[in-house]
């Protein structure tokens, strides 16, 4: 099983990588590729077969690569030690000293957005089921 993107694709997206981030990115790319395959299987699709399709495979492969690269960049951004460390919102008070902070991705995990999975056709659609409570016809005794 191969990865759907490379470290070079992350750099091509305009995200510079340090040596330690490059190692992390390679691991995240492998994990992300596996997670995308499992997500596709959950909705009864074969991701490798969709990419191998002669008519739409090339475009689908680019979409998968884009989703994977963005997910890895999100995970690397949250793990960066660039001052704020992934803080989205924060407040401080001096009197009786209060600090309140909200983190972007505190677990530094790899995740895919719902919209990204919908674009790939991998987001499960809502299903509806019903149970008929009354018997139709027959004996009513």
N, C-alpha and C. Protein backbone atom coordinates (compact mmCIF):
# COMPACT_ATOMS: atom_id res chain seq x y z
N UNK A 1 0.84 -1.18 0.00
CA UNK A 1 0.00 0.00 0.00
C UNK A 1 0.89 1.25 0.00
N UNK A 2 0.60 2.13 -0.90
CA UNK A 2 1.41 3.33 -1.02
C UNK A 2 0.68 4.53 -0.41
N UNK A 3 1.47 5.56 -0.16
CA UNK A 3 0.90 6.80 0.35
C UNK A 3 0.34 7.59 -0.83
N UNK A 4 -0.68 8.39 -0.56
CA UNK A 4 -1.31 9.17 -1.62
C UNK A 4 -0.63 10.52 -1.83
N UNK A 5 0.30 10.87 -0.97
CA UNK A 5 1.04 12.13 -1.10
C UNK A 5 2.45 11.92 -0.55
N UNK A 6 3.33 12.85 -0.86
CA UNK A 6 4.71 12.77 -0.39
C UNK A 6 5.07 14.04 0.38
N UNK A 7 6.23 14.00 1.01
CA UNK A 7 6.73 15.18 1.71
C UNK A 7 6.96 16.31 0.72
N UNK A 8 7.36 15.99 -0.50
CA UNK A 8 7.56 17.01 -1.54
C UNK A 8 6.24 17.72 -1.87
N UNK A 9 5.12 17.01 -1.79
CA UNK A 9 3.81 17.63 -2.04
C UNK A 9 3.48 18.66 -0.95
N UNK A 10 3.91 18.38 0.27
CA UNK A 10 3.68 19.34 1.37
C UNK A 10 4.49 20.60 1.12
N UNK A 11 5.74 20.42 0.72
CA UNK A 11 6.57 21.59 0.40
C UNK A 11 6.01 22.36 -0.79
N UNK A 12 5.50 21.64 -1.78
CA UNK A 12 4.93 22.29 -2.97
C UNK A 12 3.68 23.10 -2.62
N UNK A 13 3.01 22.72 -1.54
CA UNK A 13 1.83 23.47 -1.09
C UNK A 13 2.23 24.74 -0.34
N UNK A 14 3.54 24.99 -0.20
CA UNK A 14 4.01 26.22 0.42
C UNK A 14 4.26 26.10 1.91
N UNK A 15 4.44 24.90 2.40
CA UNK A 15 4.69 24.69 3.82
C UNK A 15 6.13 24.22 4.00
N UNK A 16 7.02 25.08 4.51
CA UNK A 16 8.41 24.66 4.71
C UNK A 16 8.52 23.70 5.89
N UNK A 17 9.37 22.70 5.75
CA UNK A 17 9.52 21.68 6.79
C UNK A 17 10.94 21.66 7.32
N UNK A 18 11.06 21.55 8.64
CA UNK A 18 12.37 21.32 9.24
C UNK A 18 12.66 19.82 9.17
N UNK A 19 13.85 19.42 9.61
CA UNK A 19 14.22 18.01 9.54
C UNK A 19 13.31 17.15 10.42
N UNK A 20 13.00 17.64 11.63
CA UNK A 20 12.13 16.85 12.52
C UNK A 20 10.70 16.83 12.00
N UNK A 21 10.24 17.92 11.41
CA UNK A 21 8.90 17.95 10.84
C UNK A 21 8.79 17.04 9.62
N UNK A 22 9.90 16.89 8.89
CA UNK A 22 9.89 16.03 7.72
C UNK A 22 9.66 14.57 8.13
N UNK A 23 10.29 14.14 9.20
CA UNK A 23 10.09 12.78 9.70
C UNK A 23 8.65 12.59 10.17
N UNK A 24 8.14 13.58 10.91
CA UNK A 24 6.75 13.51 11.37
C UNK A 24 5.78 13.51 10.20
N UNK A 25 6.07 14.32 9.20
CA UNK A 25 5.19 14.39 8.04
C UNK A 25 5.12 13.06 7.31
N UNK A 26 6.25 12.37 7.20
CA UNK A 26 6.24 11.07 6.52
C UNK A 26 5.38 10.06 7.27
N UNK A 27 5.48 10.06 8.58
CA UNK A 27 4.65 9.15 9.40
C UNK A 27 3.18 9.53 9.26
N UNK A 28 2.88 10.83 9.31
CA UNK A 28 1.48 11.28 9.19
C UNK A 28 0.90 10.97 7.81
N UNK A 29 1.72 11.07 6.77
CA UNK A 29 1.24 10.74 5.42
C UNK A 29 0.87 9.26 5.32
N UNK A 30 1.67 8.40 5.91
CA UNK A 30 1.38 6.97 5.89
C UNK A 30 0.12 6.67 6.69
N UNK A 31 0.01 7.27 7.89
CA UNK A 31 -1.18 7.06 8.71
C UNK A 31 -2.42 7.64 8.05
N UNK A 32 -2.30 8.81 7.45
CA UNK A 32 -3.43 9.44 6.79
C UNK A 32 -3.91 8.66 5.59
N UNK A 33 -2.99 8.08 4.83
CA UNK A 33 -3.37 7.26 3.69
C UNK A 33 -4.15 6.04 4.15
N UNK A 34 -3.68 5.42 5.22
CA UNK A 34 -4.39 4.25 5.76
C UNK A 34 -5.78 4.63 6.27
N UNK A 35 -5.88 5.77 6.93
CA UNK A 35 -7.18 6.21 7.46
C UNK A 35 -8.15 6.53 6.33
N UNK A 36 -7.66 7.11 5.24
CA UNK A 36 -8.53 7.38 4.10
C UNK A 36 -9.03 6.08 3.47
N UNK A 37 -8.15 5.08 3.37
CA UNK A 37 -8.57 3.79 2.84
C UNK A 37 -9.66 3.17 3.71
N UNK A 38 -9.48 3.22 5.03
CA UNK A 38 -10.48 2.66 5.94
C UNK A 38 -11.79 3.43 5.89
N UNK A 39 -11.71 4.74 5.77
CA UNK A 39 -12.91 5.56 5.65
C UNK A 39 -13.67 5.20 4.38
N UNK A 40 -12.95 4.98 3.30
CA UNK A 40 -13.58 4.59 2.04
C UNK A 40 -14.24 3.22 2.16
N UNK A 41 -13.59 2.29 2.84
CA UNK A 41 -14.18 0.96 3.02
C UNK A 41 -15.45 1.02 3.85
N UNK A 42 -15.49 1.97 4.79
CA UNK A 42 -16.68 2.12 5.64
C UNK A 42 -17.91 2.51 4.83
N UNK A 43 -17.69 3.23 3.74
CA UNK A 43 -18.82 3.62 2.88
C UNK A 43 -18.85 2.76 1.61
N UNK A 44 -18.19 1.62 1.68
CA UNK A 44 -18.20 0.60 0.62
C UNK A 44 -17.61 1.10 -0.70
N UNK A 45 -16.48 1.78 -0.59
CA UNK A 45 -15.76 2.24 -1.78
C UNK A 45 -14.32 1.80 -1.68
N UNK A 46 -13.71 1.56 -2.82
CA UNK A 46 -12.30 1.19 -2.89
C UNK A 46 -11.53 2.40 -3.41
N UNK A 47 -10.78 3.04 -2.54
CA UNK A 47 -10.09 4.27 -2.90
C UNK A 47 -9.06 4.04 -4.00
N UNK A 48 -8.34 2.93 -3.93
CA UNK A 48 -7.34 2.65 -4.96
C UNK A 48 -7.99 2.41 -6.32
N UNK A 49 -9.16 1.77 -6.33
CA UNK A 49 -9.87 1.55 -7.59
C UNK A 49 -10.40 2.87 -8.17
N UNK A 50 -10.85 3.77 -7.30
CA UNK A 50 -11.31 5.07 -7.77
C UNK A 50 -10.18 5.88 -8.38
N UNK A 51 -8.99 5.76 -7.81
CA UNK A 51 -7.82 6.47 -8.34
C UNK A 51 -7.35 5.84 -9.64
N UNK A 52 -7.51 4.53 -9.77
CA UNK A 52 -7.06 3.82 -10.97
C UNK A 52 -8.03 3.94 -12.14
N UNK A 53 -9.21 4.55 -11.93
CA UNK A 53 -10.19 4.70 -13.00
C UNK A 53 -9.60 5.52 -14.14
N UNK A 54 -9.85 5.08 -15.37
CA UNK A 54 -9.24 5.73 -16.53
C UNK A 54 -9.79 7.13 -16.81
N UNK A 55 -11.06 7.36 -16.55
CA UNK A 55 -11.66 8.65 -16.92
C UNK A 55 -11.49 9.71 -15.83
N UNK A 56 -11.76 9.38 -14.59
CA UNK A 56 -11.72 10.39 -13.53
C UNK A 56 -10.63 10.15 -12.50
N UNK A 57 -9.82 9.12 -12.70
CA UNK A 57 -8.82 8.74 -11.71
C UNK A 57 -7.78 9.80 -11.42
N UNK A 58 -7.31 10.49 -12.44
CA UNK A 58 -6.26 11.50 -12.25
C UNK A 58 -6.78 12.67 -11.41
N UNK A 59 -7.99 13.13 -11.69
CA UNK A 59 -8.57 14.22 -10.91
C UNK A 59 -8.86 13.77 -9.48
N UNK A 60 -9.34 12.55 -9.33
CA UNK A 60 -9.64 12.03 -7.99
C UNK A 60 -8.35 11.88 -7.18
N UNK A 61 -7.27 11.45 -7.83
CA UNK A 61 -5.98 11.32 -7.16
C UNK A 61 -5.48 12.67 -6.66
N UNK A 62 -5.66 13.72 -7.46
CA UNK A 62 -5.27 15.07 -7.03
C UNK A 62 -6.10 15.54 -5.85
N UNK A 63 -7.39 15.22 -5.85
CA UNK A 63 -8.26 15.61 -4.74
C UNK A 63 -7.86 14.87 -3.46
N UNK A 64 -7.56 13.60 -3.57
CA UNK A 64 -7.13 12.82 -2.40
C UNK A 64 -5.81 13.38 -1.88
N UNK A 65 -4.88 13.68 -2.78
CA UNK A 65 -3.59 14.25 -2.38
C UNK A 65 -3.78 15.57 -1.65
N UNK A 66 -4.66 16.41 -2.16
CA UNK A 66 -4.92 17.71 -1.54
C UNK A 66 -5.49 17.55 -0.13
N UNK A 67 -6.46 16.65 0.03
CA UNK A 67 -7.07 16.42 1.34
C UNK A 67 -6.02 15.90 2.33
N UNK A 68 -5.19 14.97 1.89
CA UNK A 68 -4.17 14.40 2.77
C UNK A 68 -3.12 15.44 3.16
N UNK A 69 -2.68 16.24 2.20
CA UNK A 69 -1.68 17.26 2.50
C UNK A 69 -2.24 18.29 3.49
N UNK A 70 -3.49 18.72 3.29
CA UNK A 70 -4.08 19.70 4.22
C UNK A 70 -4.22 19.13 5.63
N UNK A 71 -4.58 17.85 5.74
CA UNK A 71 -4.71 17.23 7.06
C UNK A 71 -3.36 17.14 7.76
N UNK A 72 -2.31 16.80 7.01
CA UNK A 72 -0.97 16.72 7.60
C UNK A 72 -0.48 18.11 8.01
N UNK A 73 -0.74 19.11 7.20
CA UNK A 73 -0.33 20.48 7.55
C UNK A 73 -1.05 20.94 8.82
N UNK A 74 -2.35 20.60 8.95
CA UNK A 74 -3.07 20.95 10.19
C UNK A 74 -2.42 20.29 11.40
N UNK A 75 -2.07 19.02 11.28
CA UNK A 75 -1.45 18.31 12.40
C UNK A 75 -0.08 18.89 12.73
N UNK A 76 0.69 19.23 11.71
CA UNK A 76 2.01 19.80 11.95
C UNK A 76 1.92 21.21 12.53
N UNK A 77 0.93 21.99 12.10
CA UNK A 77 0.74 23.34 12.64
C UNK A 77 0.41 23.29 14.12
N UNK A 78 -0.39 22.33 14.52
CA UNK A 78 -0.77 22.26 15.93
C UNK A 78 0.40 21.78 16.78
N UNK A 79 1.34 21.06 16.18
CA UNK A 79 2.48 20.55 16.92
C UNK A 79 3.64 21.53 16.93
N UNK A 80 3.53 22.60 16.16
CA UNK A 80 4.66 23.54 16.06
C UNK A 80 4.83 24.29 17.37
N UNK A 81 6.06 24.62 17.63
CA UNK A 81 6.37 25.36 18.86
C UNK A 81 6.62 26.82 18.54
N UNK A 82 5.82 27.37 17.65
CA UNK A 82 6.01 28.75 17.22
C UNK A 82 5.26 29.72 18.13
N UNK A 83 5.72 29.85 19.34
CA UNK A 83 5.15 30.83 20.26
C UNK A 83 3.83 30.40 20.86
N UNK A 84 2.75 30.50 20.11
CA UNK A 84 1.42 30.27 20.63
C UNK A 84 1.09 28.79 20.81
N UNK A 85 1.70 27.91 20.04
CA UNK A 85 1.47 26.49 20.19
C UNK A 85 0.05 26.06 19.87
N UNK A 86 -0.56 26.66 18.86
CA UNK A 86 -1.88 26.22 18.44
C UNK A 86 -3.02 26.87 19.19
N UNK A 87 -2.78 27.98 19.86
CA UNK A 87 -3.84 28.66 20.59
C UNK A 87 -4.69 29.45 19.60
N UNK A 88 -6.00 29.21 19.63
CA UNK A 88 -6.91 29.93 18.76
C UNK A 88 -7.44 31.15 19.47
N UNK A 89 -7.76 30.99 20.72
CA UNK A 89 -8.38 32.04 21.49
C UNK A 89 -7.71 32.09 22.85
N UNK A 90 -7.50 33.27 23.37
CA UNK A 90 -6.89 33.36 24.69
C UNK A 90 -7.25 34.67 25.37
N UNK A 91 -7.27 34.63 26.68
CA UNK A 91 -7.51 35.86 27.44
C UNK A 91 -6.73 35.77 28.74
N UNK A 92 -6.31 36.92 29.23
CA UNK A 92 -5.58 36.99 30.49
C UNK A 92 -6.13 38.14 31.31
N UNK A 93 -6.13 37.97 32.60
CA UNK A 93 -6.56 39.03 33.52
C UNK A 93 -5.47 39.20 34.55
N UNK A 94 -5.13 40.41 34.88
CA UNK A 94 -4.06 40.64 35.84
C UNK A 94 -4.55 40.56 37.27
N UNK A 95 -5.69 41.19 37.59
CA UNK A 95 -6.24 41.15 38.95
C UNK A 95 -6.72 39.74 39.28
N UNK A 96 -6.16 39.13 40.25
CA UNK A 96 -6.40 37.76 40.70
C UNK A 96 -6.05 36.75 39.61
N UNK A 97 -5.27 37.13 38.70
CA UNK A 97 -4.65 36.37 37.62
C UNK A 97 -5.48 35.21 37.09
N UNK A 98 -6.13 35.42 35.98
CA UNK A 98 -6.94 34.41 35.29
C UNK A 98 -6.40 34.23 33.88
N UNK A 99 -6.25 33.00 33.45
CA UNK A 99 -5.82 32.68 32.10
C UNK A 99 -6.83 31.72 31.50
N UNK A 100 -7.32 32.03 30.31
CA UNK A 100 -8.27 31.17 29.62
C UNK A 100 -7.82 31.04 28.18
N UNK A 101 -7.59 29.80 27.73
CA UNK A 101 -7.10 29.58 26.38
C UNK A 101 -7.85 28.44 25.73
N UNK A 102 -8.08 28.56 24.43
CA UNK A 102 -8.70 27.51 23.63
C UNK A 102 -7.69 27.08 22.59
N UNK A 103 -7.42 25.80 22.50
CA UNK A 103 -6.42 25.29 21.59
C UNK A 103 -7.06 24.79 20.30
N UNK A 104 -6.33 24.92 19.21
CA UNK A 104 -6.81 24.52 17.89
C UNK A 104 -6.95 23.01 17.78
N UNK A 105 -5.90 22.30 18.06
CA UNK A 105 -5.88 20.84 17.96
C UNK A 105 -4.99 20.34 19.09
N UNK A 106 -5.50 20.28 20.30
CA UNK A 106 -4.64 20.01 21.44
C UNK A 106 -3.98 18.63 21.40
N UNK A 107 -4.62 17.65 20.79
CA UNK A 107 -4.04 16.33 20.73
C UNK A 107 -3.06 16.15 19.58
N UNK A 108 -2.92 17.18 18.75
CA UNK A 108 -2.04 17.17 17.59
C UNK A 108 -2.33 15.96 16.70
N UNK A 109 -3.61 15.64 16.57
CA UNK A 109 -3.98 14.46 15.79
C UNK A 109 -4.28 14.80 14.34
N UNK A 110 -4.22 13.77 13.54
CA UNK A 110 -4.53 13.89 12.13
C UNK A 110 -6.03 13.68 11.95
N UNK A 111 -6.71 14.63 11.33
CA UNK A 111 -8.15 14.49 11.13
C UNK A 111 -8.52 15.09 9.79
N UNK A 112 -9.67 14.62 9.28
CA UNK A 112 -10.19 15.10 8.01
C UNK A 112 -11.48 15.86 8.28
N UNK A 113 -11.66 16.97 7.62
CA UNK A 113 -12.87 17.76 7.77
C UNK A 113 -14.03 17.08 7.06
N UNK A 114 -15.21 17.32 7.54
CA UNK A 114 -16.42 16.75 6.94
C UNK A 114 -16.55 17.17 5.47
N UNK A 115 -16.25 18.42 5.19
CA UNK A 115 -16.35 18.91 3.81
C UNK A 115 -15.34 18.23 2.89
N UNK A 116 -14.16 17.91 3.42
CA UNK A 116 -13.16 17.22 2.61
C UNK A 116 -13.63 15.80 2.27
N UNK A 117 -14.19 15.12 3.26
CA UNK A 117 -14.69 13.76 3.01
C UNK A 117 -15.89 13.79 2.07
N UNK A 118 -16.73 14.81 2.17
CA UNK A 118 -17.86 14.93 1.24
C UNK A 118 -17.38 15.16 -0.17
N UNK A 119 -16.34 15.98 -0.34
CA UNK A 119 -15.79 16.23 -1.68
C UNK A 119 -15.26 14.95 -2.32
N UNK A 120 -14.72 14.05 -1.50
CA UNK A 120 -14.20 12.79 -2.01
C UNK A 120 -15.29 11.72 -2.13
N UNK A 121 -16.49 12.03 -1.64
CA UNK A 121 -17.57 11.05 -1.67
C UNK A 121 -17.42 9.99 -0.60
N UNK A 122 -16.68 10.32 0.48
CA UNK A 122 -16.41 9.34 1.53
C UNK A 122 -17.17 9.64 2.82
N UNK A 123 -18.04 10.63 2.79
CA UNK A 123 -18.81 10.94 3.99
C UNK A 123 -20.11 10.16 3.92
N UNK A 124 -20.40 9.36 4.94
CA UNK A 124 -21.62 8.54 4.87
C UNK A 124 -22.87 9.41 4.80
N UNK A 125 -23.76 9.03 3.88
CA UNK A 125 -25.00 9.78 3.75
C UNK A 125 -25.98 9.36 4.84
N UNK A 126 -26.88 10.23 5.12
CA UNK A 126 -27.88 9.95 6.15
C UNK A 126 -28.86 8.90 5.63
N UNK A 127 -29.18 7.95 6.47
CA UNK A 127 -30.14 6.92 6.06
C UNK A 127 -31.40 7.06 6.90
N UNK A 128 -32.48 6.55 6.36
CA UNK A 128 -33.76 6.64 7.03
C UNK A 128 -34.36 5.25 7.07
N UNK A 129 -34.83 4.87 8.21
CA UNK A 129 -35.48 3.58 8.33
C UNK A 129 -36.78 3.74 9.08
N UNK A 130 -37.70 2.86 8.83
CA UNK A 130 -39.00 2.94 9.50
C UNK A 130 -39.48 1.53 9.82
N UNK A 131 -40.28 1.45 10.83
CA UNK A 131 -40.90 0.18 11.22
C UNK A 131 -42.40 0.38 11.13
N UNK A 132 -43.05 -0.51 10.44
CA UNK A 132 -44.50 -0.40 10.34
C UNK A 132 -45.13 -0.98 11.60
N UNK A 133 -45.94 -0.17 12.27
CA UNK A 133 -46.51 -0.58 13.55
C UNK A 133 -47.80 -1.37 13.41
N UNK A 134 -48.52 -1.17 12.34
CA UNK A 134 -49.80 -1.87 12.15
C UNK A 134 -49.69 -2.87 11.03
N UNK A 135 -50.29 -4.00 11.24
CA UNK A 135 -50.29 -5.03 10.20
C UNK A 135 -51.25 -4.61 9.10
N UNK A 136 -50.87 -4.84 7.88
CA UNK A 136 -51.76 -4.46 6.78
C UNK A 136 -52.54 -5.71 6.34
N UNK A 137 -53.89 -5.61 6.41
CA UNK A 137 -54.76 -6.72 6.00
C UNK A 137 -54.65 -7.90 6.95
N UNK A 138 -55.22 -9.01 6.58
CA UNK A 138 -55.12 -10.22 7.38
C UNK A 138 -56.04 -10.20 8.59
N UNK A 139 -55.76 -11.02 9.56
CA UNK A 139 -56.59 -11.20 10.75
C UNK A 139 -56.35 -10.07 11.76
N UNK A 140 -57.37 -9.42 12.19
CA UNK A 140 -57.24 -8.30 13.14
C UNK A 140 -57.77 -8.65 14.52
N UNK A 141 -57.88 -9.91 14.84
CA UNK A 141 -58.43 -10.30 16.14
C UNK A 141 -57.44 -10.36 17.23
